[in-house]
Amino acid sequence: MTQRLHLVFGGELVDPGSTAFKNVDDIHVVGIFPDYESAYSAWKAEAQRTVDNAHMRYFIAHLHRLRDEGTEASPTEELDG
């Protein structure tokens, strides 16, 4: 079975219409989850907890998309070679 990890994180944005964080040192890492459903539940809980602050945003990153095991090397690995 393929494992599809998801990262949930968020923080205060410079502007509600952008995705630039005001201070990257203050990014809140909620956690890494084994499937989208559990990541979505964590994302939703954090988004609802911070709903009164228009500058706060939480995101779900699909970690399984960062590395395709079927390819010989990722573009990052090729930089080292």
PDB file of N, CA and C in Angstrom:
ATOM      1  N   MET A   1       0.838  -1.182   0.000  1.00  0.00           N
ATOM      2  CA  MET A   1       0.000   0.000   0.000  1.00  0.00           C
ATOM      3  C   MET A   1       0.886   1.250   0.000  1.00  0.00           C
ATOM      4  N   THR A   2       0.570   2.198  -0.841  1.00  0.00           N
ATOM      5  CA  THR A   2       1.319   3.435  -0.938  1.00  0.00           C
ATOM      6  C   THR A   2       0.962   4.348   0.228  1.00  0.00           C
ATOM      7  N   GLN A   3       1.986   4.908   0.848  1.00  0.00           N
ATOM      8  CA  GLN A   3       1.765   5.837   1.952  1.00  0.00           C
ATOM      9  C   GLN A   3       1.716   7.248   1.398  1.00  0.00           C
ATOM     10  N   ARG A   4       0.699   7.988   1.753  1.00  0.00           N
ATOM     11  CA  ARG A   4       0.526   9.352   1.252  1.00  0.00           C
ATOM     12  C   ARG A   4       0.512  10.320   2.433  1.00  0.00           C
ATOM     13  N   LEU A   5       1.700  10.814   2.780  1.00  0.00           N
ATOM     14  CA  LEU A   5       1.841  11.701   3.927  1.00  0.00           C
ATOM     15  C   LEU A   5       1.425  13.123   3.591  1.00  0.00           C
ATOM     16  N   HIS A   6       0.852  13.794   4.587  1.00  0.00           N
ATOM     17  CA  HIS A   6       0.392  15.177   4.445  1.00  0.00           C
ATOM     18  C   HIS A   6       0.860  15.988   5.641  1.00  0.00           C
ATOM     19  N   LEU A   7       1.345  17.192   5.380  1.00  0.00           N
ATOM     20  CA  LEU A   7       1.800  18.110   6.413  1.00  0.00           C
ATOM     21  C   LEU A   7       0.773  19.229   6.564  1.00  0.00           C
ATOM     22  N   VAL A   8       0.374  19.500   7.805  1.00  0.00           N
ATOM     23  CA  VAL A   8      -0.537  20.607   8.082  1.00  0.00           C
ATOM     24  C   VAL A   8       0.250  21.671   8.835  1.00  0.00           C
ATOM     25  N   PHE A   9       0.220  22.896   8.313  1.00  0.00           N
ATOM     26  CA  PHE A   9       0.961  23.989   8.931  1.00  0.00           C
ATOM     27  C   PHE A   9       0.246  25.299   8.649  1.00  0.00           C
ATOM     28  N   GLY A  10       0.610  26.332   9.392  1.00  0.00           N
ATOM     29  CA  GLY A  10      -0.014  27.624   9.158  1.00  0.00           C
ATOM     30  C   GLY A  10       0.612  28.703  10.000  1.00  0.00           C
ATOM     31  N   GLY A  11       0.069  29.892   9.834  1.00  0.00           N
ATOM     32  CA  GLY A  11       0.574  31.022  10.584  1.00  0.00           C
ATOM     33  C   GLY A  11      -0.047  32.309  10.081  1.00  0.00           C
ATOM     34  N   GLU A  12       0.470  33.398  10.607  1.00  0.00           N
ATOM     35  CA  GLU A  12      -0.054  34.707  10.249  1.00  0.00           C
ATOM     36  C   GLU A  12       0.561  35.180   8.933  1.00  0.00           C
ATOM     37  N   LEU A  13      -0.289  35.628   8.024  1.00  0.00           N
ATOM     38  CA  LEU A  13       0.158  36.101   6.717  1.00  0.00           C
ATOM     39  C   LEU A  13       0.369  37.614   6.729  1.00  0.00           C
ATOM     40  N   VAL A  14       1.227  38.078   5.832  1.00  0.00           N
ATOM     41  CA  VAL A  14       1.461  39.515   5.667  1.00  0.00           C
ATOM     42  C   VAL A  14       0.171  40.199   5.250  1.00  0.00           C
ATOM     43  N   ASP A  15      -0.532  39.563   4.322  1.00  0.00           N
ATOM     44  CA  ASP A  15      -1.774  40.092   3.776  1.00  0.00           C
ATOM     45  C   ASP A  15      -2.728  38.922   3.568  1.00  0.00           C
ATOM     46  N   PRO A  16      -3.984  39.035   3.930  1.00  0.00           N
ATOM     47  CA  PRO A  16      -4.918  37.921   3.764  1.00  0.00           C
ATOM     48  C   PRO A  16      -5.066  37.422   2.325  1.00  0.00           C
ATOM     49  N   GLY A  17      -4.706  38.259   1.359  1.00  0.00           N
ATOM     50  CA  GLY A  17      -4.819  37.862  -0.040  1.00  0.00           C
ATOM     51  C   GLY A  17      -3.580  37.191  -0.590  1.00  0.00           C
ATOM     52  N   SER A  18      -2.574  36.961   0.261  1.00  0.00           N
ATOM     53  CA  SER A  18      -1.330  36.341  -0.211  1.00  0.00           C
ATOM     54  C   SER A  18      -1.060  35.066   0.568  1.00  0.00           C
ATOM     55  N   THR A  19       0.038  34.429   0.250  1.00  0.00           N
ATOM     56  CA  THR A  19       0.454  33.252   1.008  1.00  0.00           C
ATOM     57  C   THR A  19       1.827  33.469   1.640  1.00  0.00           C
ATOM     58  N   ALA A  20       2.245  34.725   1.779  1.00  0.00           N
ATOM     59  CA  ALA A  20       3.527  35.047   2.405  1.00  0.00           C
ATOM     60  C   ALA A  20       3.328  35.185   3.914  1.00  0.00           C
ATOM     61  N   PHE A  21       4.108  34.444   4.679  1.00  0.00           N
ATOM     62  CA  PHE A  21       4.005  34.492   6.129  1.00  0.00           C
ATOM     63  C   PHE A  21       4.659  35.745   6.685  1.00  0.00           C
ATOM     64  N   LYS A  22       4.043  36.303   7.706  1.00  0.00           N
ATOM     65  CA  LYS A  22       4.561  37.501   8.365  1.00  0.00           C
ATOM     66  C   LYS A  22       5.909  37.207   9.030  1.00  0.00           C
ATOM     67  N   ASN A  23       6.014  36.058   9.691  1.00  0.00           N
ATOM     68  CA  ASN A  23       7.256  35.654  10.353  1.00  0.00           C
ATOM     69  C   ASN A  23       7.390  34.141  10.255  1.00  0.00           C
ATOM     70  N   VAL A  24       8.309  33.676   9.432  1.00  0.00           N
ATOM     71  CA  VAL A  24       8.446  32.227   9.235  1.00  0.00           C
ATOM     72  C   VAL A  24       8.895  31.501  10.501  1.00  0.00           C
ATOM     73  N   ASP A  25       9.507  32.217  11.422  1.00  0.00           N
ATOM     74  CA  ASP A  25       9.899  31.594  12.686  1.00  0.00           C
ATOM     75  C   ASP A  25       8.690  31.229  13.542  1.00  0.00           C
ATOM     76  N   ASP A  26       7.559  31.845  13.252  1.00  0.00           N
ATOM     77  CA  ASP A  26       6.345  31.590  14.021  1.00  0.00           C
ATOM     78  C   ASP A  26       5.374  30.636  13.327  1.00  0.00           C
ATOM     79  N   ILE A  27       5.800  29.981  12.257  1.00  0.00           N
ATOM     80  CA  ILE A  27       4.916  29.029  11.573  1.00  0.00           C
ATOM     81  C   ILE A  27       4.578  27.886  12.531  1.00  0.00           C
ATOM     82  N   HIS A  28       3.317  27.589  12.614  1.00  0.00           N
ATOM     83  CA  HIS A  28       2.823  26.518  13.479  1.00  0.00           C
ATOM     84  C   HIS A  28       2.725  25.223  12.664  1.00  0.00           C
ATOM     85  N   VAL A  29       3.560  24.261  13.007  1.00  0.00           N
ATOM     86  CA  VAL A  29       3.497  22.951  12.367  1.00  0.00           C
ATOM     87  C   VAL A  29       2.555  22.095  13.198  1.00  0.00           C
ATOM     88  N   VAL A  30       1.410  21.797  12.626  1.00  0.00           N
ATOM     89  CA  VAL A  30       0.402  21.013  13.334  1.00  0.00           C
ATOM     90  C   VAL A  30       0.838  19.561  13.388  1.00  0.00           C
ATOM     91  N   GLY A  31       1.340  19.042  12.267  1.00  0.00           N
ATOM     92  CA  GLY A  31       1.818  17.669  12.252  1.00  0.00           C
ATOM     93  C   GLY A  31       1.811  17.056  10.869  1.00  0.00           C
ATOM     94  N   ILE A  32       2.302  15.825  10.817  1.00  0.00           N
ATOM     95  CA  ILE A  32       2.318  15.026   9.589  1.00  0.00           C
ATOM     96  C   ILE A  32       1.296  13.915   9.774  1.00  0.00           C
ATOM     97  N   PHE A  33       0.466  13.720   8.753  1.00  0.00           N
ATOM     98  CA  PHE A  33      -0.646  12.787   8.852  1.00  0.00           C
ATOM     99  C   PHE A  33      -0.568  11.727   7.749  1.00  0.00           C
ATOM    100  N   PRO A  34      -1.044  10.511   8.040  1.00  0.00           N
ATOM    101  CA  PRO A  34      -0.891   9.393   7.108  1.00  0.00           C
ATOM    102  C   PRO A  34      -1.859   9.391   5.929  1.00  0.00           C
ATOM    103  N   ASP A  35      -2.865  10.249   5.973  1.00  0.00           N
ATOM    104  CA  ASP A  35      -3.828  10.293   4.877  1.00  0.00           C
ATOM    105  C   ASP A  35      -4.483  11.670   4.836  1.00  0.00           C
ATOM    106  N   TYR A  36      -5.127  11.954   3.718  1.00  0.00           N
ATOM    107  CA  TYR A  36      -5.741  13.271   3.541  1.00  0.00           C
ATOM    108  C   TYR A  36      -6.868  13.515   4.541  1.00  0.00           C
ATOM    109  N   GLU A  37      -7.635  12.503   4.834  1.00  0.00           N
ATOM    110  CA  GLU A  37      -8.775  12.672   5.723  1.00  0.00           C
ATOM    111  C   GLU A  37      -8.346  13.160   7.107  1.00  0.00           C
ATOM    112  N   SER A  38      -7.316  12.561   7.681  1.00  0.00           N
ATOM    113  CA  SER A  38      -6.866  12.994   9.007  1.00  0.00           C
ATOM    114  C   SER A  38      -6.183  14.354   8.932  1.00  0.00           C
ATOM    115  N   ALA A  39      -5.477  14.634   7.834  1.00  0.00           N
ATOM    116  CA  ALA A  39      -4.872  15.956   7.647  1.00  0.00           C
ATOM    117  C   ALA A  39      -5.964  17.018   7.534  1.00  0.00           C
ATOM    118  N   TYR A  40      -7.007  16.709   6.803  1.00  0.00           N
ATOM    119  CA  TYR A  40      -8.121  17.653   6.649  1.00  0.00           C
ATOM    120  C   TYR A  40      -8.781  17.944   7.994  1.00  0.00           C
ATOM    121  N   SER A  41      -8.952  16.932   8.809  1.00  0.00           N
ATOM    122  CA  SER A  41      -9.565  17.123  10.130  1.00  0.00           C
ATOM    123  C   SER A  41      -8.709  18.049  10.988  1.00  0.00           C
ATOM    124  N   ALA A  42      -7.384  17.853  10.959  1.00  0.00           N
ATOM    125  CA  ALA A  42      -6.472  18.708  11.727  1.00  0.00           C
ATOM    126  C   ALA A  42      -6.484  20.129  11.174  1.00  0.00           C
ATOM    127  N   TRP A  43      -6.477  20.245   9.846  1.00  0.00           N
ATOM    128  CA  TRP A  43      -6.521  21.570   9.205  1.00  0.00           C
ATOM    129  C   TRP A  43      -7.796  22.314   9.608  1.00  0.00           C
ATOM    130  N   LYS A  44      -8.911  21.617   9.541  1.00  0.00           N
ATOM    131  CA  LYS A  44     -10.202  22.226   9.850  1.00  0.00           C
ATOM    132  C   LYS A  44     -10.252  22.699  11.304  1.00  0.00           C
ATOM    133  N   ALA A  45      -9.719  21.893  12.212  1.00  0.00           N
ATOM    134  CA  ALA A  45      -9.713  22.269  13.628  1.00  0.00           C
ATOM    135  C   ALA A  45      -8.901  23.545  13.852  1.00  0.00           C
ATOM    136  N   GLU A  46      -7.727  23.633  13.223  1.00  0.00           N
ATOM    137  CA  GLU A  46      -6.890  24.830  13.381  1.00  0.00           C
ATOM    138  C   GLU A  46      -7.519  26.037  12.702  1.00  0.00           C
ATOM    139  N   ALA A  47      -8.102  25.839  11.540  1.00  0.00           N
ATOM    140  CA  ALA A  47      -8.747  26.942  10.827  1.00  0.00           C
ATOM    141  C   ALA A  47      -9.924  27.482  11.632  1.00  0.00           C
ATOM    142  N   GLN A  48     -10.696  26.608  12.236  1.00  0.00           N
ATOM    143  CA  GLN A  48     -11.826  27.049  13.055  1.00  0.00           C
ATOM    144  C   GLN A  48     -11.367  27.719  14.336  1.00  0.00           C
ATOM    145  N   ARG A  49     -10.255  27.246  14.897  1.00  0.00           N
ATOM    146  CA  ARG A  49      -9.718  27.824  16.131  1.00  0.00           C
ATOM    147  C   ARG A  49      -9.259  29.262  15.916  1.00  0.00           C
ATOM    148  N   THR A  50      -8.792  29.569  14.707  1.00  0.00           N
ATOM    149  CA  THR A  50      -8.234  30.892  14.416  1.00  0.00           C
ATOM    150  C   THR A  50      -9.131  31.721  13.504  1.00  0.00           C
ATOM    151  N   VAL A  51     -10.390  31.379  13.406  1.00  0.00           N
ATOM    152  CA  VAL A  51     -11.308  32.015  12.461  1.00  0.00           C
ATOM    153  C   VAL A  51     -11.463  33.524  12.700  1.00  0.00           C
ATOM    154  N   ASP A  52     -11.251  33.982  13.904  1.00  0.00           N
ATOM    155  CA  ASP A  52     -11.411  35.406  14.204  1.00  0.00           C
ATOM    156  C   ASP A  52     -10.248  36.263  13.711  1.00  0.00           C
ATOM    157  N   ASN A  53      -9.152  35.663  13.296  1.00  0.00           N
ATOM    158  CA  ASN A  53      -7.997  36.403  12.798  1.00  0.00           C
ATOM    159  C   ASN A  53      -7.911  36.203  11.283  1.00  0.00           C
ATOM    160  N   ALA A  54      -8.271  37.224  10.517  1.00  0.00           N
ATOM    161  CA  ALA A  54      -8.299  37.113   9.053  1.00  0.00           C
ATOM    162  C   ALA A  54      -6.921  36.868   8.448  1.00  0.00           C
ATOM    163  N   HIS A  55      -5.859  37.154   9.189  1.00  0.00           N
ATOM    164  CA  HIS A  55      -4.501  36.973   8.671  1.00  0.00           C
ATOM    165  C   HIS A  55      -3.954  35.556   8.910  1.00  0.00           C
ATOM    166  N   MET A  56      -4.662  34.761   9.694  1.00  0.00           N
ATOM    167  CA  MET A  56      -4.201  33.396   9.971  1.00  0.00           C
ATOM    168  C   MET A  56      -4.706  32.443   8.894  1.00  0.00           C
ATOM    169  N   ARG A  57      -3.790  31.626   8.388  1.00  0.00           N
ATOM    170  CA  ARG A  57      -4.152  30.618   7.383  1.00  0.00           C
ATOM    171  C   ARG A  57      -3.420  29.329   7.678  1.00  0.00           C
ATOM    172  N   TYR A  58      -4.094  28.232   7.434  1.00  0.00           N
ATOM    173  CA  TYR A  58      -3.497  26.906   7.554  1.00  0.00           C
ATOM    174  C   TYR A  58      -3.568  26.222   6.207  1.00  0.00           C
ATOM    175  N   PHE A  59      -2.587  25.373   5.947  1.00  0.00           N
ATOM    176  CA  PHE A  59      -2.442  24.714   4.656  1.00  0.00           C
ATOM    177  C   PHE A  59      -2.200  23.226   4.845  1.00  0.00           C
ATOM    178  N   ILE A  60      -2.531  22.465   3.810  1.00  0.00           N
ATOM    179  CA  ILE A  60      -2.197  21.043   3.753  1.00  0.00           C
ATOM    180  C   ILE A  60      -1.210  20.863   2.607  1.00  0.00           C
ATOM    181  N   ALA A  61      -0.016  20.365   2.932  1.00  0.00           N
ATOM    182  CA  ALA A  61       0.994  20.077   1.912  1.00  0.00           C
ATOM    183  C   ALA A  61       1.009  18.572   1.671  1.00  0.00           C
ATOM    184  N   HIS A  62       0.955  18.199   0.425  1.00  0.00           N
ATOM    185  CA  HIS A  62       0.961  16.787   0.040  1.00  0.00           C
ATOM    186  C   HIS A  62       2.415  16.317  -0.068  1.00  0.00           C
ATOM    187  N   LEU A  63       2.954  15.820   1.045  1.00  0.00           N
ATOM    188  CA  LEU A  63       4.360  15.423   1.070  1.00  0.00           C
ATOM    189  C   LEU A  63       4.665  14.292   0.096  1.00  0.00           C
ATOM    190  N   HIS A  64       3.692  13.444  -0.146  1.00  0.00           N
ATOM    191  CA  HIS A  64       3.919  12.325  -1.063  1.00  0.00           C
ATOM    192  C   HIS A  64       4.170  12.805  -2.495  1.00  0.00           C
ATOM    193  N   ARG A  65       3.798  14.017  -2.805  1.00  0.00           N
ATOM    194  CA  ARG A  65       4.030  14.545  -4.153  1.00  0.00           C
ATOM    195  C   ARG A  65       5.435  15.121  -4.320  1.00  0.00           C
ATOM    196  N   LEU A  66       6.148  15.326  -3.221  1.00  0.00           N
ATOM    197  CA  LEU A  66       7.491  15.911  -3.294  1.00  0.00           C
ATOM    198  C   LEU A  66       8.525  14.933  -3.847  1.00  0.00           C
ATOM    199  N   ARG A  67       8.257  13.662  -3.686  1.00  0.00           N
ATOM    200  CA  ARG A  67       9.220  12.669  -4.155  1.00  0.00           C
ATOM    201  C   ARG A  67       8.480  11.530  -4.843  1.00  0.00           C
ATOM    202  N   ASP A  68       8.825  11.326  -6.074  1.00  0.00           N
ATOM    203  CA  ASP A  68       8.243  10.234  -6.838  1.00  0.00           C
ATOM    204  C   ASP A  68       9.262   9.110  -6.878  1.00  0.00           C
ATOM    205  N   GLU A  69       8.992   8.064  -6.146  1.00  0.00           N
ATOM    206  CA  GLU A  69       9.939   6.945  -6.067  1.00  0.00           C
ATOM    207  C   GLU A  69      10.135   6.249  -7.410  1.00  0.00           C
ATOM    208  N   GLY A  70       9.236   6.477  -8.343  1.00  0.00           N
ATOM    209  CA  GLY A  70       9.344   5.831  -9.637  1.00  0.00           C
ATOM    210  C   GLY A  70      10.373   6.469 -10.564  1.00  0.00           C
ATOM    211  N   THR A  71      10.822   7.673 -10.261  1.00  0.00           N
ATOM    212  CA  THR A  71      11.817   8.338 -11.100  1.00  0.00           C
ATOM    213  C   THR A  71      13.213   8.088 -10.552  1.00  0.00           C
ATOM    214  N   GLU A  72      14.218   8.134 -11.445  1.00  0.00           N
ATOM    215  CA  GLU A  72      15.591   7.857 -11.029  1.00  0.00           C
ATOM    216  C   GLU A  72      16.101   8.838  -9.990  1.00  0.00           C
ATOM    217  N   ALA A  73      15.890  10.125 -10.225  1.00  0.00           N
ATOM    218  CA  ALA A  73      16.379  11.147  -9.290  1.00  0.00           C
ATOM    219  C   ALA A  73      15.471  12.362  -9.364  1.00  0.00           C
ATOM    220  N   SER A  74      15.304  12.994  -8.239  1.00  0.00           N
ATOM    221  CA  SER A  74      14.519  14.213  -8.229  1.00  0.00           C
ATOM    222  C   SER A  74      15.401  15.356  -8.687  1.00  0.00           C
ATOM    223  N   PRO A  75      14.835  16.486  -9.125  1.00  0.00           N
ATOM    224  CA  PRO A  75      15.654  17.624  -9.530  1.00  0.00           C
ATOM    225  C   PRO A  75      16.604  18.097  -8.434  1.00  0.00           C
ATOM    226  N   THR A  76      16.203  17.982  -7.169  1.00  0.00           N
ATOM    227  CA  THR A  76      17.074  18.383  -6.052  1.00  0.00           C
ATOM    228  C   THR A  76      18.287  17.480  -5.982  1.00  0.00           C
ATOM    229  N   GLU A  77      18.093  16.171  -6.139  1.00  0.00           N
ATOM    230  CA  GLU A  77      19.216  15.231  -6.085  1.00  0.00           C
ATOM    231  C   GLU A  77      20.193  15.487  -7.217  1.00  0.00           C
ATOM    232  N   GLU A  78      19.696  15.922  -8.359  1.00  0.00           N
ATOM    233  CA  GLU A  78      20.569  16.171  -9.495  1.00  0.00           C
ATOM    234  C   GLU A  78      21.475  17.378  -9.262  1.00  0.00           C
ATOM    235  N   LEU A  79      21.089  18.293  -8.388  1.00  0.00           N
ATOM    236  CA  LEU A  79      21.933  19.457  -8.085  1.00  0.00           C
ATOM    237  C   LEU A  79      23.218  19.047  -7.390  1.00  0.00           C
ATOM    238  N   ASP A  80      23.180  17.970  -6.620  1.00  0.00           N
ATOM    239  CA  ASP A  80      24.362  17.506  -5.911  1.00  0.00           C
ATOM    240  C   ASP A  80      25.341  16.793  -6.828  1.00  0.00           C
ATOM    241  N   GLY A  81      24.882  16.319  -7.949  1.00  0.00           N
ATOM    242  CA  GLY A  81      25.715  15.493  -8.815  1.00  0.00           C
ATOM    243  C   GLY A  81      26.416  16.290  -9.815  1.00  0.00           C
TER     244      GLY A  81
END
